[in-house]
């Protein structure tokens, strides 16, 4: 199976030509709003309606239904815009893209302030600052939860929406898929994990955790070549992220481990004959790591440090740090071994 993504990315929101009205699907009308108490499952999964149904125009007649009543079931973003507003033409497509990425877990309602002056006046009187546009207000449970003004970049809009969903008890679909992928990888279900990491990347092409996870899953499947190919596709802006460098270290260490594994018995025999044979113990650690024996690999390097901390210009310490990077800094063996190393260095 080809897990390398790139052919099926969701199309980004289309730019709006100068002077044109931001694109929208037709308003569903006052009677279409969800009513009643919020459904946490719907916020997590998204409603059954089409994603495009979650992007609508509204006016002063439909505001109560499309915004206030709808926000009792799921978070609603209200984009206050104007035809003469240049930044609005930049912001609206980004809002639409993030809304679609949310998979029906949020709703976007767009209101032209010039066509709805009475509504704007009412909202201004209750404290919503609409003197300038674009202004985006987030509604939840019939109340304004948060807001921002100005044309924020897509990444900041995404963080804004993630915070809104967190308050509402949900999360972005990509976050759910990423969590499932990590669980699958930890459970040894590498092929399923690779598929889930790839699915995450279809939604979030610049997710370092998903790129790193995909490479690690492919490595666990024994497909080192494709793991390296995946990392070649990582966007340049995240190429030095810890998730990416950690995955690269894991691949390099796996290759080193394979080379050292052939002489595993010989390495143990050399150490049994001479406990200060540090090169043998160093190679043993590399082989053990390649075999997935993380604790034993860390123990071997820590033993070198205990016997001769400065051996080979601190090679054992540097290799252990590479292991930490490859395993992940929240890995249990990383955490315990880092504590032991620190105690040894600062004692």
C-alpha atoms as a PDB file:
ATOM      1  CA  UNK A   1       0.000   0.000   0.000  1.00  0.00           C
ATOM      2  CA  UNK A   2       1.266   3.456  -0.851  1.00  0.00           C
ATOM      3  CA  UNK A   3       1.076   5.634   2.245  1.00  0.00           C
ATOM      4  CA  UNK A   4       2.896   8.617   0.773  1.00  0.00           C
ATOM      5  CA  UNK A   5       0.366  11.394   0.427  1.00  0.00           C
ATOM      6  CA  UNK A   6       0.198  14.202  -2.063  1.00  0.00           C
ATOM      7  CA  UNK A   7      -2.348  13.329  -4.704  1.00  0.00           C
ATOM      8  CA  UNK A   8      -5.570  13.738  -2.758  1.00  0.00           C
ATOM      9  CA  UNK A   9      -5.253  16.879  -0.693  1.00  0.00           C
ATOM     10  CA  UNK A  10      -8.461  18.783  -0.103  1.00  0.00           C
ATOM     11  CA  UNK A  11      -8.699  21.823  -2.350  1.00  0.00           C
ATOM     12  CA  UNK A  12      -8.007  25.062  -0.512  1.00  0.00           C
ATOM     13  CA  UNK A  13     -10.576  27.800  -0.299  1.00  0.00           C
ATOM     14  CA  UNK A  14     -10.724  29.783  -3.531  1.00  0.00           C
ATOM     15  CA  UNK A  15      -9.537  33.372  -3.481  1.00  0.00           C
ATOM     16  CA  UNK A  16     -12.241  35.960  -4.013  1.00  0.00           C
ATOM     17  CA  UNK A  17     -11.618  38.384  -6.896  1.00  0.00           C
ATOM     18  CA  UNK A  18     -11.301  42.034  -5.976  1.00  0.00           C
ATOM     19  CA  UNK A  19     -14.688  43.652  -5.539  1.00  0.00           C
ATOM     20  CA  UNK A  20     -16.531  40.346  -5.468  1.00  0.00           C
ATOM     21  CA  UNK A  21     -18.616  38.990  -2.643  1.00  0.00           C
ATOM     22  CA  UNK A  22     -17.032  36.111  -0.673  1.00  0.00           C
ATOM     23  CA  UNK A  23     -18.330  32.744  -1.870  1.00  0.00           C
ATOM     24  CA  UNK A  24     -21.089  31.080   0.097  1.00  0.00           C
ATOM     25  CA  UNK A  25     -23.618  28.334  -0.143  1.00  0.00           C
ATOM     26  CA  UNK A  26     -27.248  29.535  -0.035  1.00  0.00           C
ATOM     27  CA  UNK A  27     -28.685  30.179   3.403  1.00  0.00           C
ATOM     28  CA  UNK A  28     -30.630  27.225   4.734  1.00  0.00           C
ATOM     29  CA  UNK A  29     -33.237  29.598   6.124  1.00  0.00           C
ATOM     30  CA  UNK A  30     -34.582  30.258   9.604  1.00  0.00           C
ATOM     31  CA  UNK A  31     -36.150  26.880  10.028  1.00  0.00           C
ATOM     32  CA  UNK A  32     -32.982  24.873   9.512  1.00  0.00           C
ATOM     33  CA  UNK A  33     -31.187  25.590  12.769  1.00  0.00           C
ATOM     34  CA  UNK A  34     -30.543  22.884  15.319  1.00  0.00           C
ATOM     35  CA  UNK A  35     -32.419  23.377  18.570  1.00  0.00           C
ATOM     36  CA  UNK A  36     -32.117  22.082  22.107  1.00  0.00           C
ATOM     37  CA  UNK A  37     -29.162  21.143  24.275  1.00  0.00           C
ATOM     38  CA  UNK A  38     -25.729  20.542  22.827  1.00  0.00           C
ATOM     39  CA  UNK A  39     -24.938  16.987  21.751  1.00  0.00           C
ATOM     40  CA  UNK A  40     -21.295  16.215  22.686  1.00  0.00           C
ATOM     41  CA  UNK A  41     -21.216  13.291  20.255  1.00  0.00           C
ATOM     42  CA  UNK A  42     -22.277  15.556  17.395  1.00  0.00           C
ATOM     43  CA  UNK A  43     -19.532  18.039  18.293  1.00  0.00           C
ATOM     44  CA  UNK A  44     -16.981  15.208  18.213  1.00  0.00           C
ATOM     45  CA  UNK A  45     -18.280  13.559  15.028  1.00  0.00           C
ATOM     46  CA  UNK A  46     -19.973  16.444  13.246  1.00  0.00           C
ATOM     47  CA  UNK A  47     -23.584  16.382  12.047  1.00  0.00           C
ATOM     48  CA  UNK A  48     -24.823  14.251   9.189  1.00  0.00           C
ATOM     49  CA  UNK A  49     -25.415  17.297   6.949  1.00  0.00           C
ATOM     50  CA  UNK A  50     -23.096  18.143   4.053  1.00  0.00           C
ATOM     51  CA  UNK A  51     -19.992  20.068   5.048  1.00  0.00           C
ATOM     52  CA  UNK A  52     -20.997  22.884   2.704  1.00  0.00           C
ATOM     53  CA  UNK A  53     -24.281  23.183   4.629  1.00  0.00           C
ATOM     54  CA  UNK A  54     -22.166  24.388   7.546  1.00  0.00           C
ATOM     55  CA  UNK A  55     -21.179  27.552   5.622  1.00  0.00           C
ATOM     56  CA  UNK A  56     -24.135  29.896   5.162  1.00  0.00           C
ATOM     57  CA  UNK A  57     -25.116  33.527   4.702  1.00  0.00           C
ATOM     58  CA  UNK A  58     -27.433  35.084   7.259  1.00  0.00           C
ATOM     59  CA  UNK A  59     -29.217  38.372   7.824  1.00  0.00           C
ATOM     60  CA  UNK A  60     -31.116  40.080  10.620  1.00  0.00           C
ATOM     61  CA  UNK A  61     -34.136  37.859   9.979  1.00  0.00           C
ATOM     62  CA  UNK A  62     -32.262  34.550  10.189  1.00  0.00           C
ATOM     63  CA  UNK A  63     -29.642  35.528  12.788  1.00  0.00           C
ATOM     64  CA  UNK A  64     -31.502  33.977  15.728  1.00  0.00           C
ATOM     65  CA  UNK A  65     -31.955  30.649  13.975  1.00  0.00           C
ATOM     66  CA  UNK A  66     -28.628  30.411  12.159  1.00  0.00           C
ATOM     67  CA  UNK A  67     -26.479  31.673  15.040  1.00  0.00           C
ATOM     68  CA  UNK A  68     -28.095  31.780  18.480  1.00  0.00           C
ATOM     69  CA  UNK A  69     -30.226  28.627  18.219  1.00  0.00           C
ATOM     70  CA  UNK A  70     -27.632  26.739  16.155  1.00  0.00           C
ATOM     71  CA  UNK A  71     -24.935  27.495  18.753  1.00  0.00           C
ATOM     72  CA  UNK A  72     -26.856  25.455  21.312  1.00  0.00           C
ATOM     73  CA  UNK A  73     -25.901  22.346  19.352  1.00  0.00           C
ATOM     74  CA  UNK A  74     -22.431  23.213  18.023  1.00  0.00           C
ATOM     75  CA  UNK A  75     -20.011  26.182  17.985  1.00  0.00           C
ATOM     76  CA  UNK A  76     -20.801  28.898  15.424  1.00  0.00           C
ATOM     77  CA  UNK A  77     -18.340  31.358  13.895  1.00  0.00           C
ATOM     78  CA  UNK A  78     -19.887  34.589  12.623  1.00  0.00           C
ATOM     79  CA  UNK A  79     -17.893  36.433   9.990  1.00  0.00           C
ATOM     80  CA  UNK A  80     -18.912  40.105   9.811  1.00  0.00           C
ATOM     81  CA  UNK A  81     -17.666  41.408   6.466  1.00  0.00           C
ATOM     82  CA  UNK A  82     -18.242  44.085   3.834  1.00  0.00           C
ATOM     83  CA  UNK A  83     -17.852  44.199   0.046  1.00  0.00           C
ATOM     84  CA  UNK A  84     -15.447  47.140   0.289  1.00  0.00           C
ATOM     85  CA  UNK A  85     -13.212  45.399   2.869  1.00  0.00           C
ATOM     86  CA  UNK A  86      -9.967  44.098   1.356  1.00  0.00           C
ATOM     87  CA  UNK A  87      -8.872  42.020   4.392  1.00  0.00           C
ATOM     88  CA  UNK A  88     -12.322  40.383   4.410  1.00  0.00           C
ATOM     89  CA  UNK A  89     -11.577  38.893   0.995  1.00  0.00           C
ATOM     90  CA  UNK A  90      -8.433  37.312   2.448  1.00  0.00           C
ATOM     91  CA  UNK A  91     -10.041  36.098   5.657  1.00  0.00           C
ATOM     92  CA  UNK A  92     -13.273  34.553   4.371  1.00  0.00           C
ATOM     93  CA  UNK A  93     -11.661  31.813   2.212  1.00  0.00           C
ATOM     94  CA  UNK A  94      -9.408  30.867   5.151  1.00  0.00           C
ATOM     95  CA  UNK A  95     -12.422  30.659   7.472  1.00  0.00           C
ATOM     96  CA  UNK A  96     -14.222  28.478   4.932  1.00  0.00           C
ATOM     97  CA  UNK A  97     -11.215  26.163   4.600  1.00  0.00           C
ATOM     98  CA  UNK A  98     -10.873  25.685   8.371  1.00  0.00           C
ATOM     99  CA  UNK A  99     -14.634  25.156   8.681  1.00  0.00           C
ATOM    100  CA  UNK A 100     -14.555  22.434   6.036  1.00  0.00           C
ATOM    101  CA  UNK A 101     -11.563  20.843   7.749  1.00  0.00           C
ATOM    102  CA  UNK A 102     -13.606  20.709  10.962  1.00  0.00           C
ATOM    103  CA  UNK A 103     -15.870  18.185   9.260  1.00  0.00           C
ATOM    104  CA  UNK A 104     -19.177  19.620  10.424  1.00  0.00           C
ATOM    105  CA  UNK A 105     -18.101  20.237  14.017  1.00  0.00           C
ATOM    106  CA  UNK A 106     -18.406  23.993  13.643  1.00  0.00           C
ATOM    107  CA  UNK A 107     -20.636  26.256  11.553  1.00  0.00           C
ATOM    108  CA  UNK A 108     -19.623  29.426   9.702  1.00  0.00           C
ATOM    109  CA  UNK A 109     -22.230  32.163   9.268  1.00  0.00           C
ATOM    110  CA  UNK A 110     -21.357  35.199   7.124  1.00  0.00           C
ATOM    111  CA  UNK A 111     -23.063  38.544   7.590  1.00  0.00           C
ATOM    112  CA  UNK A 112     -22.667  41.585   5.326  1.00  0.00           C
ATOM    113  CA  UNK A 113     -22.679  44.530   7.721  1.00  0.00           C
ATOM    114  CA  UNK A 114     -23.866  47.003   5.079  1.00  0.00           C
ATOM    115  CA  UNK A 115     -26.923  44.902   4.277  1.00  0.00           C
ATOM    116  CA  UNK A 116     -27.772  44.349   7.956  1.00  0.00           C
ATOM    117  CA  UNK A 117     -27.297  47.708   9.657  1.00  0.00           C
ATOM    118  CA  UNK A 118     -30.105  47.192  12.168  1.00  0.00           C
ATOM    119  CA  UNK A 119     -28.599  43.893  13.322  1.00  0.00           C
ATOM    120  CA  UNK A 120     -25.127  45.445  13.559  1.00  0.00           C
ATOM    121  CA  UNK A 121     -26.538  48.269  15.668  1.00  0.00           C
ATOM    122  CA  UNK A 122     -28.238  45.822  18.031  1.00  0.00           C
ATOM    123  CA  UNK A 123     -25.082  43.753  18.430  1.00  0.00           C
ATOM    124  CA  UNK A 124     -22.964  46.875  18.986  1.00  0.00           C
ATOM    125  CA  UNK A 125     -25.321  47.939  21.769  1.00  0.00           C
ATOM    126  CA  UNK A 126     -24.738  44.657  23.588  1.00  0.00           C
ATOM    127  CA  UNK A 127     -20.965  45.101  23.408  1.00  0.00           C
ATOM    128  CA  UNK A 128     -19.841  43.461  20.156  1.00  0.00           C
ATOM    129  CA  UNK A 129     -17.300  45.862  18.556  1.00  0.00           C
ATOM    130  CA  UNK A 130     -18.310  46.019  14.910  1.00  0.00           C
ATOM    131  CA  UNK A 131     -16.842  49.424  14.124  1.00  0.00           C
ATOM    132  CA  UNK A 132     -14.251  47.710  11.930  1.00  0.00           C
ATOM    133  CA  UNK A 133     -14.247  44.574   9.798  1.00  0.00           C
ATOM    134  CA  UNK A 134     -13.420  41.812   9.452  1.00  0.00           C
ATOM    135  CA  UNK A 135     -14.649  40.800  12.878  1.00  0.00           C
ATOM    136  CA  UNK A 136     -15.243  37.156  13.759  1.00  0.00           C
ATOM    137  CA  UNK A 137     -17.293  36.221  16.815  1.00  0.00           C
ATOM    138  CA  UNK A 138     -17.576  32.689  18.193  1.00  0.00           C
ATOM    139  CA  UNK A 139     -20.955  31.739  19.656  1.00  0.00           C
ATOM    140  CA  UNK A 140     -21.549  28.780  21.957  1.00  0.00           C
ATOM    141  CA  UNK A 141     -24.699  27.982  23.914  1.00  0.00           C
ATOM    142  CA  UNK A 142     -26.318  31.203  22.738  1.00  0.00           C
ATOM    143  CA  UNK A 143     -23.504  33.427  24.041  1.00  0.00           C
ATOM    144  CA  UNK A 144     -20.395  35.052  22.570  1.00  0.00           C
ATOM    145  CA  UNK A 145     -17.487  32.904  23.704  1.00  0.00           C
ATOM    146  CA  UNK A 146     -14.560  34.623  21.962  1.00  0.00           C
ATOM    147  CA  UNK A 147     -13.725  36.873  19.024  1.00  0.00           C
ATOM    148  CA  UNK A 148     -10.957  38.325  16.910  1.00  0.00           C
ATOM    149  CA  UNK A 149     -10.550  41.165  14.433  1.00  0.00           C
ATOM    150  CA  UNK A 150      -8.435  41.438  11.320  1.00  0.00           C
ATOM    151  CA  UNK A 151      -7.305  38.940   8.674  1.00  0.00           C
ATOM    152  CA  UNK A 152      -5.507  36.289  10.720  1.00  0.00           C
ATOM    153  CA  UNK A 153      -3.429  33.659   8.891  1.00  0.00           C
ATOM    154  CA  UNK A 154      -4.962  30.211   8.501  1.00  0.00           C
ATOM    155  CA  UNK A 155      -2.742  28.698  11.207  1.00  0.00           C
ATOM    156  CA  UNK A 156      -4.044  31.162  13.810  1.00  0.00           C
ATOM    157  CA  UNK A 157      -7.640  30.639  12.712  1.00  0.00           C
ATOM    158  CA  UNK A 158      -7.112  26.912  13.184  1.00  0.00           C
ATOM    159  CA  UNK A 159      -5.802  27.471  16.728  1.00  0.00           C
ATOM    160  CA  UNK A 160      -8.783  29.725  17.446  1.00  0.00           C
ATOM    161  CA  UNK A 161     -11.197  27.008  16.273  1.00  0.00           C
ATOM    162  CA  UNK A 162      -9.324  24.290  18.188  1.00  0.00           C
ATOM    163  CA  UNK A 163      -9.720  26.344  21.369  1.00  0.00           C
ATOM    164  CA  UNK A 164     -13.420  26.826  20.655  1.00  0.00           C
ATOM    165  CA  UNK A 165     -13.938  23.106  20.079  1.00  0.00           C
ATOM    166  CA  UNK A 166     -12.048  22.262  23.256  1.00  0.00           C
ATOM    167  CA  UNK A 167     -14.426  24.412  25.307  1.00  0.00           C
ATOM    168  CA  UNK A 168     -17.347  22.706  23.575  1.00  0.00           C
ATOM    169  CA  UNK A 169     -15.974  19.247  24.392  1.00  0.00           C
ATOM    170  CA  UNK A 170     -14.745  18.376  20.914  1.00  0.00           C
ATOM    171  CA  UNK A 171     -11.681  18.571  18.694  1.00  0.00           C
ATOM    172  CA  UNK A 172     -10.732  18.830  15.039  1.00  0.00           C
ATOM    173  CA  UNK A 173     -11.109  15.566  13.085  1.00  0.00           C
ATOM    174  CA  UNK A 174      -7.381  15.514  12.364  1.00  0.00           C
ATOM    175  CA  UNK A 175      -6.647  15.523  16.098  1.00  0.00           C
ATOM    176  CA  UNK A 176      -8.907  12.497  16.583  1.00  0.00           C
ATOM    177  CA  UNK A 177      -7.278  10.615  13.716  1.00  0.00           C
ATOM    178  CA  UNK A 178      -3.799  11.471  14.961  1.00  0.00           C
ATOM    179  CA  UNK A 179      -4.653  10.132  18.409  1.00  0.00           C
ATOM    180  CA  UNK A 180      -5.961   6.885  16.912  1.00  0.00           C
ATOM    181  CA  UNK A 181      -2.797   6.570  14.826  1.00  0.00           C
ATOM    182  CA  UNK A 182      -0.564   6.921  17.878  1.00  0.00           C
ATOM    183  CA  UNK A 183      -2.550   4.304  19.778  1.00  0.00           C
ATOM    184  CA  UNK A 184      -2.304   1.902  16.835  1.00  0.00           C
ATOM    185  CA  UNK A 185       1.462   2.412  16.542  1.00  0.00           C
ATOM    186  CA  UNK A 186       1.994   1.842  20.272  1.00  0.00           C
ATOM    187  CA  UNK A 187      -0.119  -1.327  20.007  1.00  0.00           C
ATOM    188  CA  UNK A 188       2.151  -2.660  17.267  1.00  0.00           C
ATOM    189  CA  UNK A 189      -0.465  -2.212  14.527  1.00  0.00           C
ATOM    190  CA  UNK A 190       1.925  -0.442  12.195  1.00  0.00           C
ATOM    191  CA  UNK A 191      -0.045  -0.804   8.972  1.00  0.00           C
ATOM    192  CA  UNK A 192      -3.199   0.633  10.521  1.00  0.00           C
ATOM    193  CA  UNK A 193      -1.138   3.412  12.098  1.00  0.00           C
ATOM    194  CA  UNK A 194       0.408   4.289   8.725  1.00  0.00           C
ATOM    195  CA  UNK A 195      -3.033   4.561   7.141  1.00  0.00           C
ATOM    196  CA  UNK A 196      -4.276   6.783   9.967  1.00  0.00           C
ATOM    197  CA  UNK A 197      -1.203   9.047   9.900  1.00  0.00           C
ATOM    198  CA  UNK A 198      -1.652   9.372   6.134  1.00  0.00           C
ATOM    199  CA  UNK A 199      -5.327  10.257   6.622  1.00  0.00           C
ATOM    200  CA  UNK A 200      -4.281  12.918   9.137  1.00  0.00           C
ATOM    201  CA  UNK A 201      -1.931  14.423   6.574  1.00  0.00           C
ATOM    202  CA  UNK A 202      -4.744  14.683   4.054  1.00  0.00           C
ATOM    203  CA  UNK A 203      -6.427  17.031   6.534  1.00  0.00           C
ATOM    204  CA  UNK A 204      -3.312  18.655   8.028  1.00  0.00           C
ATOM    205  CA  UNK A 205      -0.472  18.557   5.461  1.00  0.00           C
ATOM    206  CA  UNK A 206       1.876  20.450   7.785  1.00  0.00           C
ATOM    207  CA  UNK A 207       1.455  18.279  10.876  1.00  0.00           C
ATOM    208  CA  UNK A 208       4.947  17.345  12.150  1.00  0.00           C
ATOM    209  CA  UNK A 209       3.482  14.663  14.424  1.00  0.00           C
ATOM    210  CA  UNK A 210       1.699  13.001  11.507  1.00  0.00           C
ATOM    211  CA  UNK A 211       4.749  13.099   9.215  1.00  0.00           C
ATOM    212  CA  UNK A 212       7.012  11.756  11.943  1.00  0.00           C
ATOM    213  CA  UNK A 213       4.455   9.133  12.920  1.00  0.00           C
ATOM    214  CA  UNK A 214       4.020   7.993   9.307  1.00  0.00           C
ATOM    215  CA  UNK A 215       7.771   7.517   8.927  1.00  0.00           C
ATOM    216  CA  UNK A 216       7.947   5.576  12.197  1.00  0.00           C
ATOM    217  CA  UNK A 217       4.997   3.380  11.203  1.00  0.00           C
ATOM    218  CA  UNK A 218       6.582   2.571   7.839  1.00  0.00           C
ATOM    219  CA  UNK A 219       9.850   1.783   9.640  1.00  0.00           C
ATOM    220  CA  UNK A 220       7.961  -0.566  11.980  1.00  0.00           C
ATOM    221  CA  UNK A 221       6.543  -2.291   8.886  1.00  0.00           C
ATOM    222  CA  UNK A 222      10.114  -2.889   7.730  1.00  0.00           C
ATOM    223  CA  UNK A 223       9.811  -0.453   4.830  1.00  0.00           C
ATOM    224  CA  UNK A 224      12.775   1.804   5.521  1.00  0.00           C
ATOM    225  CA  UNK A 225      12.937   3.013   1.917  1.00  0.00           C
ATOM    226  CA  UNK A 226       9.371   4.298   1.979  1.00  0.00           C
ATOM    227  CA  UNK A 227       9.893   5.812   5.438  1.00  0.00           C
ATOM    228  CA  UNK A 228      12.756   7.862   3.997  1.00  0.00           C
ATOM    229  CA  UNK A 229      10.611   8.754   0.981  1.00  0.00           C
ATOM    230  CA  UNK A 230       7.900  10.040   3.311  1.00  0.00           C
ATOM    231  CA  UNK A 231      10.366  12.336   5.051  1.00  0.00           C
ATOM    232  CA  UNK A 232      11.463  13.672   1.664  1.00  0.00           C
ATOM    233  CA  UNK A 233       7.925  15.038   1.240  1.00  0.00           C
ATOM    234  CA  UNK A 234       7.932  16.939   4.534  1.00  0.00           C
ATOM    235  CA  UNK A 235       7.275  20.670   3.968  1.00  0.00           C
ATOM    236  CA  UNK A 236      10.449  22.724   4.382  1.00  0.00           C
ATOM    237  CA  UNK A 237       8.936  24.883   7.134  1.00  0.00           C
ATOM    238  CA  UNK A 238       8.659  21.890   9.499  1.00  0.00           C
ATOM    239  CA  UNK A 239      11.719  19.914   8.361  1.00  0.00           C
ATOM    240  CA  UNK A 240      13.654  20.701  11.550  1.00  0.00           C
ATOM    241  CA  UNK A 241      10.784  20.001  13.939  1.00  0.00           C
ATOM    242  CA  UNK A 242      11.620  17.514  16.705  1.00  0.00           C
ATOM    243  CA  UNK A 243       9.042  15.030  15.377  1.00  0.00           C
ATOM    244  CA  UNK A 244      10.799  14.983  12.004  1.00  0.00           C
ATOM    245  CA  UNK A 245      14.385  14.896  13.262  1.00  0.00           C
ATOM    246  CA  UNK A 246      13.374  12.197  15.720  1.00  0.00           C
ATOM    247  CA  UNK A 247      11.970  10.049  12.929  1.00  0.00           C
ATOM    248  CA  UNK A 248      15.149  10.549  10.893  1.00  0.00           C
ATOM    249  CA  UNK A 249      17.224   9.455  13.896  1.00  0.00           C
ATOM    250  CA  UNK A 250      15.036   6.385  14.356  1.00  0.00           C
ATOM    251  CA  UNK A 251      15.615   5.339  10.724  1.00  0.00           C
ATOM    252  CA  UNK A 252      19.368   5.921  10.929  1.00  0.00           C
ATOM    253  CA  UNK A 253      19.651   4.037  14.211  1.00  0.00           C
ATOM    254  CA  UNK A 254      17.630   1.123  12.826  1.00  0.00           C
ATOM    255  CA  UNK A 255      20.117   0.807   9.969  1.00  0.00           C
ATOM    256  CA  UNK A 256      23.052   0.962  12.396  1.00  0.00           C
ATOM    257  CA  UNK A 257      21.364  -1.608  14.599  1.00  0.00           C
ATOM    258  CA  UNK A 258      20.947  -4.064  11.728  1.00  0.00           C
ATOM    259  CA  UNK A 259      24.609  -3.809  10.879  1.00  0.00           C
ATOM    260  CA  UNK A 260      25.621  -4.402  14.484  1.00  0.00           C
ATOM    261  CA  UNK A 261      23.096  -7.189  15.120  1.00  0.00           C
ATOM    262  CA  UNK A 262      25.050  -9.789  13.143  1.00  0.00           C
ATOM    263  CA  UNK A 263      27.825  -9.687  15.718  1.00  0.00           C
ATOM    264  CA  UNK A 264      25.608  -9.603  18.820  1.00  0.00           C
ATOM    265  CA  UNK A 265      26.956 -12.782  20.382  1.00  0.00           C
ATOM    266  CA  UNK A 266      30.513 -11.739  19.672  1.00  0.00           C
ATOM    267  CA  UNK A 267      29.969  -8.349  21.294  1.00  0.00           C
ATOM    268  CA  UNK A 268      28.616  -9.985  24.443  1.00  0.00           C
ATOM    269  CA  UNK A 269      31.586 -12.335  24.536  1.00  0.00           C
ATOM    270  CA  UNK A 270      34.008  -9.421  24.245  1.00  0.00           C
ATOM    271  CA  UNK A 271      32.322  -7.583  27.134  1.00  0.00           C
ATOM    272  CA  UNK A 272      32.320 -10.740  29.268  1.00  0.00           C
ATOM    273  CA  UNK A 273      36.049 -11.028  28.693  1.00  0.00           C
ATOM    274  CA  UNK A 274      36.745  -7.332  29.329  1.00  0.00           C
ATOM    275  CA  UNK A 275      34.124  -5.169  31.043  1.00  0.00           C
ATOM    276  CA  UNK A 276      36.035  -2.047  29.935  1.00  0.00           C
ATOM    277  CA  UNK A 277      35.752  -2.895  26.230  1.00  0.00           C
ATOM    278  CA  UNK A 278      33.755   0.273  25.591  1.00  0.00           C
ATOM    279  CA  UNK A 279      33.654  -0.002  21.776  1.00  0.00           C
ATOM    280  CA  UNK A 280      32.016  -3.434  22.115  1.00  0.00           C
ATOM    281  CA  UNK A 281      29.499  -2.161  24.663  1.00  0.00           C
ATOM    282  CA  UNK A 282      28.763   0.858  22.435  1.00  0.00           C
ATOM    283  CA  UNK A 283      28.093  -1.392  19.431  1.00  0.00           C
ATOM    284  CA  UNK A 284      26.018  -3.684  21.650  1.00  0.00           C
ATOM    285  CA  UNK A 285      23.833  -0.731  22.638  1.00  0.00           C
ATOM    286  CA  UNK A 286      23.308   0.123  18.970  1.00  0.00           C
ATOM    287  CA  UNK A 287      22.376  -3.466  18.138  1.00  0.00           C
ATOM    288  CA  UNK A 288      19.982  -3.717  21.103  1.00  0.00           C
ATOM    289  CA  UNK A 289      18.267  -0.507  20.073  1.00  0.00           C
ATOM    290  CA  UNK A 290      17.870  -1.857  16.552  1.00  0.00           C
ATOM    291  CA  UNK A 291      16.227  -4.944  18.048  1.00  0.00           C
ATOM    292  CA  UNK A 292      13.747  -2.782  19.965  1.00  0.00           C
ATOM    293  CA  UNK A 293      15.354  -3.431  23.363  1.00  0.00           C
ATOM    294  CA  UNK A 294      15.413   0.198  24.450  1.00  0.00           C
ATOM    295  CA  UNK A 295      16.019  -0.271  28.150  1.00  0.00           C
ATOM    296  CA  UNK A 296      18.920  -2.639  27.581  1.00  0.00           C
ATOM    297  CA  UNK A 297      20.400  -0.279  24.990  1.00  0.00           C
ATOM    298  CA  UNK A 298      20.211   2.670  27.394  1.00  0.00           C
ATOM    299  CA  UNK A 299      21.667   0.581  30.210  1.00  0.00           C
ATOM    300  CA  UNK A 300      24.694  -0.303  28.067  1.00  0.00           C
ATOM    301  CA  UNK A 301      25.478   3.339  27.260  1.00  0.00           C
ATOM    302  CA  UNK A 302      24.919   4.430  30.840  1.00  0.00           C
ATOM    303  CA  UNK A 303      27.347   1.712  31.950  1.00  0.00           C
ATOM    304  CA  UNK A 304      30.011   3.149  29.629  1.00  0.00           C
ATOM    305  CA  UNK A 305      29.399   6.581  31.154  1.00  0.00           C
ATOM    306  CA  UNK A 306      29.647   5.142  34.661  1.00  0.00           C
ATOM    307  CA  UNK A 307      32.976   3.526  33.878  1.00  0.00           C
ATOM    308  CA  UNK A 308      34.475   6.319  31.751  1.00  0.00           C
ATOM    309  CA  UNK A 309      32.325   9.392  31.177  1.00  0.00           C
ATOM    310  CA  UNK A 310      34.807  10.989  28.744  1.00  0.00           C
ATOM    311  CA  UNK A 311      35.435   7.878  26.613  1.00  0.00           C
ATOM    312  CA  UNK A 312      35.745   8.737  22.930  1.00  0.00           C
ATOM    313  CA  UNK A 313      34.897  12.388  23.581  1.00  0.00           C
ATOM    314  CA  UNK A 314      31.606  11.560  25.300  1.00  0.00           C
ATOM    315  CA  UNK A 315      30.389   9.219  22.553  1.00  0.00           C
ATOM    316  CA  UNK A 316      28.141   7.228  24.897  1.00  0.00           C
ATOM    317  CA  UNK A 317      26.320  10.366  26.059  1.00  0.00           C
ATOM    318  CA  UNK A 318      25.876  11.624  22.499  1.00  0.00           C
ATOM    319  CA  UNK A 319      24.551   8.266  21.306  1.00  0.00           C
ATOM    320  CA  UNK A 320      22.128   8.147  24.225  1.00  0.00           C
ATOM    321  CA  UNK A 321      20.814  11.577  23.259  1.00  0.00           C
ATOM    322  CA  UNK A 322      20.274  10.265  19.714  1.00  0.00           C
ATOM    323  CA  UNK A 323      18.308   7.389  21.210  1.00  0.00           C
ATOM    324  CA  UNK A 324      16.153   9.836  23.180  1.00  0.00           C
ATOM    325  CA  UNK A 325      15.445  11.823  20.035  1.00  0.00           C
ATOM    326  CA  UNK A 326      14.505   8.673  18.120  1.00  0.00           C
ATOM    327  CA  UNK A 327      12.334   7.236  20.900  1.00  0.00           C
ATOM    328  CA  UNK A 328      10.576  10.498  21.658  1.00  0.00           C
ATOM    329  CA  UNK A 329      11.190  12.719  24.644  1.00  0.00           C
ATOM    330  CA  UNK A 330       8.065  11.485  26.429  1.00  0.00           C
ATOM    331  CA  UNK A 331       8.955   7.807  26.020  1.00  0.00           C
ATOM    332  CA  UNK A 332       9.153   6.041  29.441  1.00  0.00           C
ATOM    333  CA  UNK A 333      12.675   4.734  28.784  1.00  0.00           C
ATOM    334  CA  UNK A 334      13.777   8.194  27.654  1.00  0.00           C
ATOM    335  CA  UNK A 335      12.414   9.784  30.815  1.00  0.00           C
ATOM    336  CA  UNK A 336      13.976   7.303  33.218  1.00  0.00           C
ATOM    337  CA  UNK A 337      17.308   7.125  31.383  1.00  0.00           C
ATOM    338  CA  UNK A 338      17.546  10.902  31.104  1.00  0.00           C
ATOM    339  CA  UNK A 339      17.123  11.154  34.878  1.00  0.00           C
ATOM    340  CA  UNK A 340      19.876   8.588  35.409  1.00  0.00           C
ATOM    341  CA  UNK A 341      22.170  10.357  32.962  1.00  0.00           C
ATOM    342  CA  UNK A 342      21.575  13.730  34.627  1.00  0.00           C
ATOM    343  CA  UNK A 343      22.281  12.273  38.056  1.00  0.00           C
ATOM    344  CA  UNK A 344      25.488  10.779  36.732  1.00  0.00           C
ATOM    345  CA  UNK A 345      26.654  13.979  35.006  1.00  0.00           C
ATOM    346  CA  UNK A 346      25.879  16.309  37.882  1.00  0.00           C
ATOM    347  CA  UNK A 347      26.913  14.108  40.782  1.00  0.00           C
END
